[in-house]
C-alpha atoms as a PDB file:
ATOM      1  CA  UNK A   1     216.931 -14.617  97.413  1.00  0.00           C
ATOM      2  CA  UNK A   2     219.756 -12.078  97.640  1.00  0.00           C
ATOM      3  CA  UNK A   3     221.192 -10.036  94.807  1.00  0.00           C
ATOM      4  CA  UNK A   4     224.746 -11.305  95.129  1.00  0.00           C
ATOM      5  CA  UNK A   5     226.182 -14.661  96.081  1.00  0.00           C
ATOM      6  CA  UNK A   6     228.505 -13.088  98.620  1.00  0.00           C
ATOM      7  CA  UNK A   7     228.145 -15.691 101.331  1.00  0.00           C
ATOM      8  CA  UNK A   8     231.651 -17.152 101.158  1.00  0.00           C
ATOM      9  CA  UNK A   9     233.581 -17.129 104.415  1.00  0.00           C
ATOM     10  CA  UNK A  10     235.957 -20.092 104.145  1.00  0.00           C
ATOM     11  CA  UNK A  11     238.671 -20.580 106.715  1.00  0.00           C
ATOM     12  CA  UNK A  12     242.330 -20.546 105.689  1.00  0.00           C
ATOM     13  CA  UNK A  13     242.679 -24.198 106.663  1.00  0.00           C
ATOM     14  CA  UNK A  14     240.126 -25.592 104.206  1.00  0.00           C
ATOM     15  CA  UNK A  15     241.341 -27.532 101.198  1.00  0.00           C
ATOM     16  CA  UNK A  16     241.252 -25.382  98.046  1.00  0.00           C
ATOM     17  CA  UNK A  17     239.389 -28.039  96.048  1.00  0.00           C
ATOM     18  CA  UNK A  18     236.692 -28.277  98.712  1.00  0.00           C
ATOM     19  CA  UNK A  19     236.318 -24.498  98.815  1.00  0.00           C
ATOM     20  CA  UNK A  20     236.082 -24.351  95.018  1.00  0.00           C
ATOM     21  CA  UNK A  21     233.491 -27.134  94.893  1.00  0.00           C
ATOM     22  CA  UNK A  22     231.426 -25.449  97.607  1.00  0.00           C
ATOM     23  CA  UNK A  23     231.490 -22.115  95.800  1.00  0.00           C
ATOM     24  CA  UNK A  24     230.504 -23.638  92.454  1.00  0.00           C
ATOM     25  CA  UNK A  25     227.674 -25.585  94.081  1.00  0.00           C
ATOM     26  CA  UNK A  26     226.355 -22.443  95.778  1.00  0.00           C
ATOM     27  CA  UNK A  27     226.580 -20.415  92.578  1.00  0.00           C
ATOM     28  CA  UNK A  28     224.945 -23.052  90.394  1.00  0.00           C
ATOM     29  CA  UNK A  29     222.057 -23.592  92.808  1.00  0.00           C
ATOM     30  CA  UNK A  30     221.648 -19.838  93.201  1.00  0.00           C
ATOM     31  CA  UNK A  31     221.645 -19.359  89.442  1.00  0.00           C
ATOM     32  CA  UNK A  32     219.012 -22.052  88.866  1.00  0.00           C
ATOM     33  CA  UNK A  33     216.800 -20.585  91.601  1.00  0.00           C
ATOM     34  CA  UNK A  34     217.142 -17.159  89.970  1.00  0.00           C
ATOM     35  CA  UNK A  35     216.517 -18.576  86.492  1.00  0.00           C
ATOM     36  CA  UNK A  36     213.258 -20.161  87.677  1.00  0.00           C
ATOM     37  CA  UNK A  37     211.782 -16.792  88.607  1.00  0.00           C
ATOM     38  CA  UNK A  38     208.236 -17.303  89.905  1.00  0.00           C
ATOM     39  CA  UNK A  39     206.566 -14.371  88.141  1.00  0.00           C
ATOM     40  CA  UNK A  40     208.091 -15.276  84.799  1.00  0.00           C
ATOM     41  CA  UNK A  41     207.358 -18.976  85.250  1.00  0.00           C
ATOM     42  CA  UNK A  42     203.699 -18.290  86.051  1.00  0.00           C
ATOM     43  CA  UNK A  43     203.328 -16.299  82.840  1.00  0.00           C
ATOM     44  CA  UNK A  44     205.170 -18.947  80.808  1.00  0.00           C
ATOM     45  CA  UNK A  45     203.038 -21.729  82.276  1.00  0.00           C
ATOM     46  CA  UNK A  46     199.831 -19.837  81.544  1.00  0.00           C
ATOM     47  CA  UNK A  47     200.874 -19.283  77.922  1.00  0.00           C
ATOM     48  CA  UNK A  48     201.979 -22.891  77.560  1.00  0.00           C
ATOM     49  CA  UNK A  49     198.647 -24.208  78.839  1.00  0.00           C
ATOM     50  CA  UNK A  50     196.748 -21.861  76.529  1.00  0.00           C
ATOM     51  CA  UNK A  51     198.375 -23.704  73.625  1.00  0.00           C
ATOM     52  CA  UNK A  52     197.325 -27.156  74.877  1.00  0.00           C
ATOM     53  CA  UNK A  53     194.170 -29.217  74.377  1.00  0.00           C
ATOM     54  CA  UNK A  54     192.615 -30.839  77.435  1.00  0.00           C
ATOM     55  CA  UNK A  55     192.294 -34.621  77.250  1.00  0.00           C
ATOM     56  CA  UNK A  56     190.324 -36.863  79.636  1.00  0.00           C
ATOM     57  CA  UNK A  57     192.003 -38.696  82.511  1.00  0.00           C
ATOM     58  CA  UNK A  58     191.062 -42.283  83.337  1.00  0.00           C
ATOM     59  CA  UNK A  59     189.280 -42.173  86.712  1.00  0.00           C
ATOM     60  CA  UNK A  60     191.065 -45.236  88.052  1.00  0.00           C
ATOM     61  CA  UNK A  61     194.317 -43.287  87.912  1.00  0.00           C
ATOM     62  CA  UNK A  62     193.211 -40.560  90.330  1.00  0.00           C
ATOM     63  CA  UNK A  63     194.214 -42.347  93.539  1.00  0.00           C
ATOM     64  CA  UNK A  64     197.647 -43.101  92.136  1.00  0.00           C
ATOM     65  CA  UNK A  65     198.053 -39.468  91.114  1.00  0.00           C
ATOM     66  CA  UNK A  66     197.065 -38.383  94.637  1.00  0.00           C
ATOM     67  CA  UNK A  67     199.562 -40.762  96.241  1.00  0.00           C
ATOM     68  CA  UNK A  68     202.416 -39.424  94.130  1.00  0.00           C
ATOM     69  CA  UNK A  69     201.469 -35.826  94.875  1.00  0.00           C
ATOM     70  CA  UNK A  70     201.203 -36.670  98.577  1.00  0.00           C
ATOM     71  CA  UNK A  71     204.681 -38.185  98.377  1.00  0.00           C
ATOM     72  CA  UNK A  72     205.979 -35.017  96.709  1.00  0.00           C
ATOM     73  CA  UNK A  73     204.278 -32.685  99.185  1.00  0.00           C
ATOM     74  CA  UNK A  74     205.405 -34.616 102.263  1.00  0.00           C
ATOM     75  CA  UNK A  75     208.997 -34.538 101.031  1.00  0.00           C
ATOM     76  CA  UNK A  76     208.720 -30.831 100.248  1.00  0.00           C
ATOM     77  CA  UNK A  77     207.161 -30.288 103.691  1.00  0.00           C
ATOM     78  CA  UNK A  78     210.188 -31.810 105.395  1.00  0.00           C
ATOM     79  CA  UNK A  79     212.531 -29.730 103.237  1.00  0.00           C
ATOM     80  CA  UNK A  80     210.610 -26.605 104.275  1.00  0.00           C
ATOM     81  CA  UNK A  81     210.782 -27.657 107.924  1.00  0.00           C
ATOM     82  CA  UNK A  82     214.572 -27.749 107.787  1.00  0.00           C
ATOM     83  CA  UNK A  83     214.645 -24.171 106.525  1.00  0.00           C
ATOM     84  CA  UNK A  84     211.929 -22.797 108.803  1.00  0.00           C
ATOM     85  CA  UNK A  85     212.303 -24.720 112.060  1.00  0.00           C
ATOM     86  CA  UNK A  86     215.940 -25.762 112.453  1.00  0.00           C
ATOM     87  CA  UNK A  87     218.641 -23.582 113.990  1.00  0.00           C
ATOM     88  CA  UNK A  88     221.785 -22.481 112.101  1.00  0.00           C
ATOM     89  CA  UNK A  89     223.978 -25.324 113.371  1.00  0.00           C
ATOM     90  CA  UNK A  90     221.433 -28.000 112.477  1.00  0.00           C
ATOM     91  CA  UNK A  91     220.871 -26.471 109.033  1.00  0.00           C
ATOM     92  CA  UNK A  92     224.592 -26.668 108.323  1.00  0.00           C
ATOM     93  CA  UNK A  93     224.554 -30.415 108.916  1.00  0.00           C
ATOM     94  CA  UNK A  94     221.254 -30.898 107.079  1.00  0.00           C
ATOM     95  CA  UNK A  95     222.288 -29.280 103.788  1.00  0.00           C
ATOM     96  CA  UNK A  96     223.535 -32.450 102.136  1.00  0.00           C
ATOM     97  CA  UNK A  97     220.203 -34.159 102.864  1.00  0.00           C
ATOM     98  CA  UNK A  98     218.281 -31.346 101.182  1.00  0.00           C
ATOM     99  CA  UNK A  99     219.437 -32.460  97.734  1.00  0.00           C
ATOM    100  CA  UNK A 100     217.867 -35.951  97.888  1.00  0.00           C
ATOM    101  CA  UNK A 101     214.704 -34.362  99.294  1.00  0.00           C
ATOM    102  CA  UNK A 102     214.626 -31.855  96.438  1.00  0.00           C
ATOM    103  CA  UNK A 103     215.008 -34.570  93.843  1.00  0.00           C
ATOM    104  CA  UNK A 104     212.359 -36.865  95.357  1.00  0.00           C
ATOM    105  CA  UNK A 105     209.878 -33.995  95.707  1.00  0.00           C
ATOM    106  CA  UNK A 106     210.356 -33.233  92.012  1.00  0.00           C
ATOM    107  CA  UNK A 107     210.228 -36.930  91.115  1.00  0.00           C
ATOM    108  CA  UNK A 108     206.876 -37.298  92.884  1.00  0.00           C
ATOM    109  CA  UNK A 109     205.455 -34.343  90.960  1.00  0.00           C
ATOM    110  CA  UNK A 110     206.771 -35.737  87.707  1.00  0.00           C
ATOM    111  CA  UNK A 111     205.347 -39.213  88.362  1.00  0.00           C
ATOM    112  CA  UNK A 112     201.907 -37.704  89.013  1.00  0.00           C
ATOM    113  CA  UNK A 113     202.244 -35.749  85.775  1.00  0.00           C
ATOM    114  CA  UNK A 114     203.278 -38.905  83.903  1.00  0.00           C
ATOM    115  CA  UNK A 115     200.253 -40.853  85.126  1.00  0.00           C
ATOM    116  CA  UNK A 116     197.899 -38.028  84.163  1.00  0.00           C
ATOM    117  CA  UNK A 117     199.336 -38.166  80.654  1.00  0.00           C
ATOM    118  CA  UNK A 118     199.249 -41.958  80.402  1.00  0.00           C
ATOM    119  CA  UNK A 119     203.010 -42.496  80.344  1.00  0.00           C
ATOM    120  CA  UNK A 120     204.265 -45.914  81.424  1.00  0.00           C
ATOM    121  CA  UNK A 121     207.480 -45.147  83.296  1.00  0.00           C
ATOM    122  CA  UNK A 122     208.882 -47.449  85.942  1.00  0.00           C
ATOM    123  CA  UNK A 123     212.384 -46.112  86.623  1.00  0.00           C
ATOM    124  CA  UNK A 124     214.139 -42.878  87.485  1.00  0.00           C
ATOM    125  CA  UNK A 125     216.112 -42.930  84.255  1.00  0.00           C
ATOM    126  CA  UNK A 126     212.975 -43.248  82.119  1.00  0.00           C
ATOM    127  CA  UNK A 127     211.304 -40.355  83.953  1.00  0.00           C
ATOM    128  CA  UNK A 128     214.402 -38.180  83.659  1.00  0.00           C
ATOM    129  CA  UNK A 129     214.844 -39.023  79.997  1.00  0.00           C
ATOM    130  CA  UNK A 130     211.254 -38.105  79.138  1.00  0.00           C
ATOM    131  CA  UNK A 131     211.623 -34.833  81.026  1.00  0.00           C
ATOM    132  CA  UNK A 132     214.776 -34.122  79.005  1.00  0.00           C
ATOM    133  CA  UNK A 133     212.997 -34.933  75.748  1.00  0.00           C
ATOM    134  CA  UNK A 134     210.085 -32.705  76.773  1.00  0.00           C
ATOM    135  CA  UNK A 135     212.556 -29.897  77.446  1.00  0.00           C
ATOM    136  CA  UNK A 136     214.318 -30.397  74.122  1.00  0.00           C
ATOM    137  CA  UNK A 137     211.030 -30.401  72.204  1.00  0.00           C
ATOM    138  CA  UNK A 138     209.566 -27.439  74.149  1.00  0.00           C
ATOM    139  CA  UNK A 139     206.797 -29.496  75.728  1.00  0.00           C
ATOM    140  CA  UNK A 140     207.314 -27.542  78.949  1.00  0.00           C
ATOM    141  CA  UNK A 141     207.118 -23.863  79.916  1.00  0.00           C
ATOM    142  CA  UNK A 142     210.185 -22.034  78.620  1.00  0.00           C
ATOM    143  CA  UNK A 143     212.246 -21.675  81.805  1.00  0.00           C
ATOM    144  CA  UNK A 144     212.075 -25.430  82.480  1.00  0.00           C
ATOM    145  CA  UNK A 145     212.535 -26.344  78.805  1.00  0.00           C
ATOM    146  CA  UNK A 146     216.318 -26.045  78.828  1.00  0.00           C
ATOM    147  CA  UNK A 147     218.817 -28.821  78.255  1.00  0.00           C
ATOM    148  CA  UNK A 148     222.226 -29.768  76.907  1.00  0.00           C
ATOM    149  CA  UNK A 149     223.050 -32.429  74.315  1.00  0.00           C
ATOM    150  CA  UNK A 150     226.260 -33.536  72.618  1.00  0.00           C
ATOM    151  CA  UNK A 151     229.534 -35.008  73.782  1.00  0.00           C
ATOM    152  CA  UNK A 152     232.521 -33.776  75.747  1.00  0.00           C
ATOM    153  CA  UNK A 153     234.056 -30.626  74.252  1.00  0.00           C
ATOM    154  CA  UNK A 154     231.096 -30.478  71.869  1.00  0.00           C
ATOM    155  CA  UNK A 155     228.116 -29.598  74.049  1.00  0.00           C
ATOM    156  CA  UNK A 156     225.056 -27.906  72.595  1.00  0.00           C
ATOM    157  CA  UNK A 157     222.728 -25.737  74.694  1.00  0.00           C
ATOM    158  CA  UNK A 158     219.021 -25.727  73.900  1.00  0.00           C
ATOM    159  CA  UNK A 159     216.571 -22.953  74.780  1.00  0.00           C
ATOM    160  CA  UNK A 160     219.157 -21.095  76.871  1.00  0.00           C
ATOM    161  CA  UNK A 161     221.740 -18.632  75.557  1.00  0.00           C
ATOM    162  CA  UNK A 162     225.185 -19.086  77.118  1.00  0.00           C
ATOM    163  CA  UNK A 163     228.071 -16.871  76.010  1.00  0.00           C
ATOM    164  CA  UNK A 164     230.924 -18.809  74.415  1.00  0.00           C
ATOM    165  CA  UNK A 165     233.695 -17.586  76.712  1.00  0.00           C
ATOM    166  CA  UNK A 166     231.763 -17.893  79.979  1.00  0.00           C
ATOM    167  CA  UNK A 167     233.758 -19.147  82.959  1.00  0.00           C
ATOM    168  CA  UNK A 168     232.836 -19.768  86.577  1.00  0.00           C
ATOM    169  CA  UNK A 169     235.836 -17.782  87.838  1.00  0.00           C
ATOM    170  CA  UNK A 170     233.663 -14.900  89.014  1.00  0.00           C
ATOM    171  CA  UNK A 171     231.101 -15.159  91.770  1.00  0.00           C
ATOM    172  CA  UNK A 172     227.484 -15.155  90.708  1.00  0.00           C
ATOM    173  CA  UNK A 173     225.664 -11.838  90.408  1.00  0.00           C
ATOM    174  CA  UNK A 174     221.971 -12.614  90.302  1.00  0.00           C
ATOM    175  CA  UNK A 175     221.173  -9.304  88.634  1.00  0.00           C
ATOM    176  CA  UNK A 176     223.394 -10.264  85.671  1.00  0.00           C
ATOM    177  CA  UNK A 177     221.185 -12.373  83.381  1.00  0.00           C
ATOM    178  CA  UNK A 178     224.090 -13.537  81.206  1.00  0.00           C
ATOM    179  CA  UNK A 179     225.990 -14.703  84.281  1.00  0.00           C
ATOM    180  CA  UNK A 180     222.924 -16.501  85.634  1.00  0.00           C
ATOM    181  CA  UNK A 181     222.475 -18.288  82.293  1.00  0.00           C
ATOM    182  CA  UNK A 182     226.182 -19.112  82.247  1.00  0.00           C
ATOM    183  CA  UNK A 183     226.072 -20.757  85.652  1.00  0.00           C
ATOM    184  CA  UNK A 184     222.911 -22.678  84.754  1.00  0.00           C
ATOM    185  CA  UNK A 185     224.640 -23.881  81.589  1.00  0.00           C
ATOM    186  CA  UNK A 186     227.695 -24.931  83.594  1.00  0.00           C
ATOM    187  CA  UNK A 187     225.462 -27.003  85.892  1.00  0.00           C
ATOM    188  CA  UNK A 188     223.929 -28.794  82.905  1.00  0.00           C
ATOM    189  CA  UNK A 189     227.293 -29.364  81.192  1.00  0.00           C
ATOM    190  CA  UNK A 190     228.862 -30.642  84.393  1.00  0.00           C
ATOM    191  CA  UNK A 191     225.980 -33.056  84.837  1.00  0.00           C
ATOM    192  CA  UNK A 192     226.248 -34.276  81.264  1.00  0.00           C
ATOM    193  CA  UNK A 193     229.980 -34.835  81.627  1.00  0.00           C
ATOM    194  CA  UNK A 194     229.357 -36.755  84.854  1.00  0.00           C
ATOM    195  CA  UNK A 195     226.746 -38.958  83.168  1.00  0.00           C
ATOM    196  CA  UNK A 196     228.859 -39.522  80.048  1.00  0.00           C
ATOM    197  CA  UNK A 197     231.746 -40.700  82.224  1.00  0.00           C
ATOM    198  CA  UNK A 198     229.406 -43.015  84.125  1.00  0.00           C
ATOM    199  CA  UNK A 199     228.093 -44.601  80.933  1.00  0.00           C
ATOM    200  CA  UNK A 200     231.616 -44.849  79.550  1.00  0.00           C
ATOM    201  CA  UNK A 201     232.653 -46.872  82.618  1.00  0.00           C
ATOM    202  CA  UNK A 202     229.574 -49.083  82.321  1.00  0.00           C
ATOM    203  CA  UNK A 203     230.381 -49.817  78.680  1.00  0.00           C
ATOM    204  CA  UNK A 204     234.147 -50.107  79.089  1.00  0.00           C
ATOM    205  CA  UNK A 205     234.250 -53.663  77.708  1.00  0.00           C
ATOM    206  CA  UNK A 206     232.773 -52.472  74.401  1.00  0.00           C
ATOM    207  CA  UNK A 207     235.731 -50.204  73.636  1.00  0.00           C
ATOM    208  CA  UNK A 208     238.958 -52.145  73.094  1.00  0.00           C
ATOM    209  CA  UNK A 209     242.018 -51.799  70.887  1.00  0.00           C
ATOM    210  CA  UNK A 210     242.945 -54.185  68.076  1.00  0.00           C
ATOM    211  CA  UNK A 211     245.008 -56.048  70.677  1.00  0.00           C
ATOM    212  CA  UNK A 212     242.006 -56.482  72.925  1.00  0.00           C
ATOM    213  CA  UNK A 213     243.116 -53.965  75.545  1.00  0.00           C
ATOM    214  CA  UNK A 214     240.762 -51.295  76.978  1.00  0.00           C
ATOM    215  CA  UNK A 215     240.685 -48.113  74.899  1.00  0.00           C
ATOM    216  CA  UNK A 216     242.169 -45.257  76.904  1.00  0.00           C
ATOM    217  CA  UNK A 217     240.746 -42.438  74.775  1.00  0.00           C
ATOM    218  CA  UNK A 218     237.464 -42.703  72.899  1.00  0.00           C
ATOM    219  CA  UNK A 219     237.048 -41.188  69.463  1.00  0.00           C
ATOM    220  CA  UNK A 220     234.188 -38.906  68.467  1.00  0.00           C
ATOM    221  CA  UNK A 221     231.990 -41.711  67.126  1.00  0.00           C
ATOM    222  CA  UNK A 222     232.395 -43.746  70.316  1.00  0.00           C
ATOM    223  CA  UNK A 223     231.428 -40.768  72.484  1.00  0.00           C
ATOM    224  CA  UNK A 224     228.429 -40.145  70.240  1.00  0.00           C
ATOM    225  CA  UNK A 225     227.229 -43.717  70.726  1.00  0.00           C
ATOM    226  CA  UNK A 226     227.377 -43.177  74.495  1.00  0.00           C
ATOM    227  CA  UNK A 227     225.601 -39.820  74.251  1.00  0.00           C
ATOM    228  CA  UNK A 228     222.831 -41.365  72.159  1.00  0.00           C
ATOM    229  CA  UNK A 229     221.907 -43.652  75.043  1.00  0.00           C
ATOM    230  CA  UNK A 230     221.894 -40.758  77.500  1.00  0.00           C
ATOM    231  CA  UNK A 231     219.275 -38.439  76.027  1.00  0.00           C
ATOM    232  CA  UNK A 232     219.156 -34.679  76.749  1.00  0.00           C
ATOM    233  CA  UNK A 233     220.562 -33.421  80.058  1.00  0.00           C
ATOM    234  CA  UNK A 234     217.993 -31.282  81.878  1.00  0.00           C
ATOM    235  CA  UNK A 235     217.473 -29.587  85.232  1.00  0.00           C
ATOM    236  CA  UNK A 236     215.963 -32.841  86.478  1.00  0.00           C
ATOM    237  CA  UNK A 237     219.185 -34.623  85.466  1.00  0.00           C
ATOM    238  CA  UNK A 238     221.086 -32.071  87.561  1.00  0.00           C
ATOM    239  CA  UNK A 239     218.901 -32.690  90.615  1.00  0.00           C
ATOM    240  CA  UNK A 240     219.366 -36.451  90.245  1.00  0.00           C
ATOM    241  CA  UNK A 241     223.118 -36.027  90.052  1.00  0.00           C
ATOM    242  CA  UNK A 242     223.115 -33.828  93.165  1.00  0.00           C
ATOM    243  CA  UNK A 243     220.923 -36.341  94.958  1.00  0.00           C
ATOM    244  CA  UNK A 244     223.829 -38.790  94.643  1.00  0.00           C
ATOM    245  CA  UNK A 245     226.855 -36.502  94.929  1.00  0.00           C
ATOM    246  CA  UNK A 246     225.529 -34.595  97.945  1.00  0.00           C
ATOM    247  CA  UNK A 247     225.770 -37.691 100.122  1.00  0.00           C
ATOM    248  CA  UNK A 248     228.986 -39.095  98.710  1.00  0.00           C
ATOM    249  CA  UNK A 249     231.391 -37.107  96.543  1.00  0.00           C
ATOM    250  CA  UNK A 250     230.339 -33.611  97.681  1.00  0.00           C
ATOM    251  CA  UNK A 251     229.631 -34.122 101.363  1.00  0.00           C
ATOM    252  CA  UNK A 252     232.824 -32.320 102.464  1.00  0.00           C
ATOM    253  CA  UNK A 253     232.093 -29.355 100.219  1.00  0.00           C
ATOM    254  CA  UNK A 254     228.549 -29.044 101.546  1.00  0.00           C
ATOM    255  CA  UNK A 255     229.913 -28.884 105.101  1.00  0.00           C
ATOM    256  CA  UNK A 256     232.457 -26.254 104.103  1.00  0.00           C
ATOM    257  CA  UNK A 257     232.621 -22.869 105.811  1.00  0.00           C
ATOM    258  CA  UNK A 258     231.930 -21.446 102.360  1.00  0.00           C
ATOM    259  CA  UNK A 259     228.345 -22.679 102.445  1.00  0.00           C
ATOM    260  CA  UNK A 260     225.683 -20.442 103.942  1.00  0.00           C
ATOM    261  CA  UNK A 261     223.165 -23.146 104.773  1.00  0.00           C
ATOM    262  CA  UNK A 262     220.186 -20.817 105.120  1.00  0.00           C
ATOM    263  CA  UNK A 263     220.656 -19.223 101.698  1.00  0.00           C
ATOM    264  CA  UNK A 264     221.413 -22.517  99.991  1.00  0.00           C
ATOM    265  CA  UNK A 265     218.370 -24.218 101.505  1.00  0.00           C
ATOM    266  CA  UNK A 266     216.180 -21.284 100.457  1.00  0.00           C
ATOM    267  CA  UNK A 267     217.447 -21.593  96.889  1.00  0.00           C
ATOM    268  CA  UNK A 268     216.776 -25.333  96.847  1.00  0.00           C
ATOM    269  CA  UNK A 269     213.228 -24.671  98.039  1.00  0.00           C
ATOM    270  CA  UNK A 270     212.747 -22.128  95.238  1.00  0.00           C
ATOM    271  CA  UNK A 271     213.766 -24.752  92.685  1.00  0.00           C
ATOM    272  CA  UNK A 272     211.387 -27.369  94.108  1.00  0.00           C
ATOM    273  CA  UNK A 273     208.570 -24.818  94.238  1.00  0.00           C
ATOM    274  CA  UNK A 274     209.132 -23.943  90.569  1.00  0.00           C
ATOM    275  CA  UNK A 275     208.893 -27.579  89.464  1.00  0.00           C
ATOM    276  CA  UNK A 276     205.789 -28.043  91.623  1.00  0.00           C
ATOM    277  CA  UNK A 277     204.074 -24.918  90.291  1.00  0.00           C
ATOM    278  CA  UNK A 278     204.477 -26.072  86.703  1.00  0.00           C
ATOM    279  CA  UNK A 279     203.507 -29.698  87.215  1.00  0.00           C
ATOM    280  CA  UNK A 280     200.556 -29.004  89.500  1.00  0.00           C
ATOM    281  CA  UNK A 281     199.253 -26.470  86.972  1.00  0.00           C
ATOM    282  CA  UNK A 282     199.575 -28.978  84.129  1.00  0.00           C
ATOM    283  CA  UNK A 283     197.938 -31.730  86.187  1.00  0.00           C
ATOM    284  CA  UNK A 284     195.105 -29.406  87.191  1.00  0.00           C
ATOM    285  CA  UNK A 285     194.555 -28.380  83.586  1.00  0.00           C
ATOM    286  CA  UNK A 286     194.430 -31.999  82.450  1.00  0.00           C
ATOM    287  CA  UNK A 287     192.122 -33.187  85.239  1.00  0.00           C
ATOM    288  CA  UNK A 288     189.858 -30.144  85.505  1.00  0.00           C
ATOM    289  CA  UNK A 289     189.381 -28.096  88.663  1.00  0.00           C
ATOM    290  CA  UNK A 290     186.549 -30.121  90.172  1.00  0.00           C
ATOM    291  CA  UNK A 291     188.297 -33.491  89.864  1.00  0.00           C
ATOM    292  CA  UNK A 292     191.583 -31.988  91.045  1.00  0.00           C
ATOM    293  CA  UNK A 293     190.058 -30.408  94.150  1.00  0.00           C
ATOM    294  CA  UNK A 294     188.135 -33.599  94.988  1.00  0.00           C
ATOM    295  CA  UNK A 295     191.427 -35.458  94.819  1.00  0.00           C
ATOM    296  CA  UNK A 296     193.115 -32.903  97.084  1.00  0.00           C
ATOM    297  CA  UNK A 297     190.355 -33.345  99.674  1.00  0.00           C
ATOM    298  CA  UNK A 298     191.485 -36.948 100.171  1.00  0.00           C
ATOM    299  CA  UNK A 299     195.139 -36.061 100.710  1.00  0.00           C
ATOM    300  CA  UNK A 300     196.658 -35.675 104.218  1.00  0.00           C
ATOM    301  CA  UNK A 301     195.887 -32.148 105.408  1.00  0.00           C
ATOM    302  CA  UNK A 302     199.300 -31.466 106.912  1.00  0.00           C
ATOM    303  CA  UNK A 303     201.109 -31.860 103.580  1.00  0.00           C
ATOM    304  CA  UNK A 304     198.468 -30.242 101.360  1.00  0.00           C
ATOM    305  CA  UNK A 305     199.677 -26.987 102.897  1.00  0.00           C
ATOM    306  CA  UNK A 306     202.590 -27.088 100.467  1.00  0.00           C
ATOM    307  CA  UNK A 307     200.114 -26.927  97.585  1.00  0.00           C
ATOM    308  CA  UNK A 308     197.926 -24.343  99.308  1.00  0.00           C
ATOM    309  CA  UNK A 309     200.883 -21.973  99.607  1.00  0.00           C
ATOM    310  CA  UNK A 310     200.972 -21.670  95.807  1.00  0.00           C
ATOM    311  CA  UNK A 311     197.317 -22.537  95.123  1.00  0.00           C
ATOM    312  CA  UNK A 312     196.346 -19.137  93.722  1.00  0.00           C
ATOM    313  CA  UNK A 313     199.239 -19.254  91.236  1.00  0.00           C
ATOM    314  CA  UNK A 314     198.429 -22.825  90.202  1.00  0.00           C
ATOM    315  CA  UNK A 315     194.757 -21.984  89.724  1.00  0.00           C
ATOM    316  CA  UNK A 316     195.609 -18.907  87.678  1.00  0.00           C
ATOM    317  CA  UNK A 317     197.662 -21.093  85.323  1.00  0.00           C
ATOM    318  CA  UNK A 318     195.705 -24.343  85.228  1.00  0.00           C
ATOM    319  CA  UNK A 319     192.058 -23.261  85.195  1.00  0.00           C
ATOM    320  CA  UNK A 320     191.934 -22.003  81.612  1.00  0.00           C
END
């Protein structure tokens, strides 16, 4: 990663809204990648695991765990291939596909984690909601345990300090911790606003005036009822949102001259690696090293390389 997000070279002919969206996307992704600093996350994960008690895993679940990890690693492998093997022009056109890959790599890790812990989750929304609840209740290492709750104009940050008057007017400086936190917070708030609007549209028929017409402006109680169904908004919520917007609403912005594809792809990989480091460590701790390594032996060799690249860090966290 670089110290400053200075990779903005938009042409004079680009639409101002597209340029702005591209810059915000770059800054938010860069901030999250910086926030999930590997050295700090390793130490946080080690401390988190030290506070946990190991519980047995049902043996019949091991093959399912392996399949989900294989799914995650193969997706991460393809994401890495874009960054390492493609030329600059191809990378520029591949950026918008990196977001779905990032989400599905994280989703695979999270599903493996869920099975290890005996959770019965059969939808993306259930997985994302549990991750958000785990973040809210500090059932994750600190850097991942951040989220936003509340309603529009009344958001509440959890486990991350964001200054009250923070704006995204200035370009991200990665060496400025307050600015990094501010951009991470803006990503979470933007995601929550997006999801609140989506649920509001889905429940439009519930909110009508005394004359039976659709309510144009919801009151505080109505927004709270929508927020209650949403759960906490986490970094996984953000990745899910980008998985959708990258291929639809934001596709023009991600092809903007503002975007430096190589830097953005590297940041996305850092985020995926951080999620993988934490979840693999927690899975390893729960299963025990012997059972974990026996499981890995049965996974396709070409994708296990993604795990092997961080194996020493995972072992240092999960083999307590």
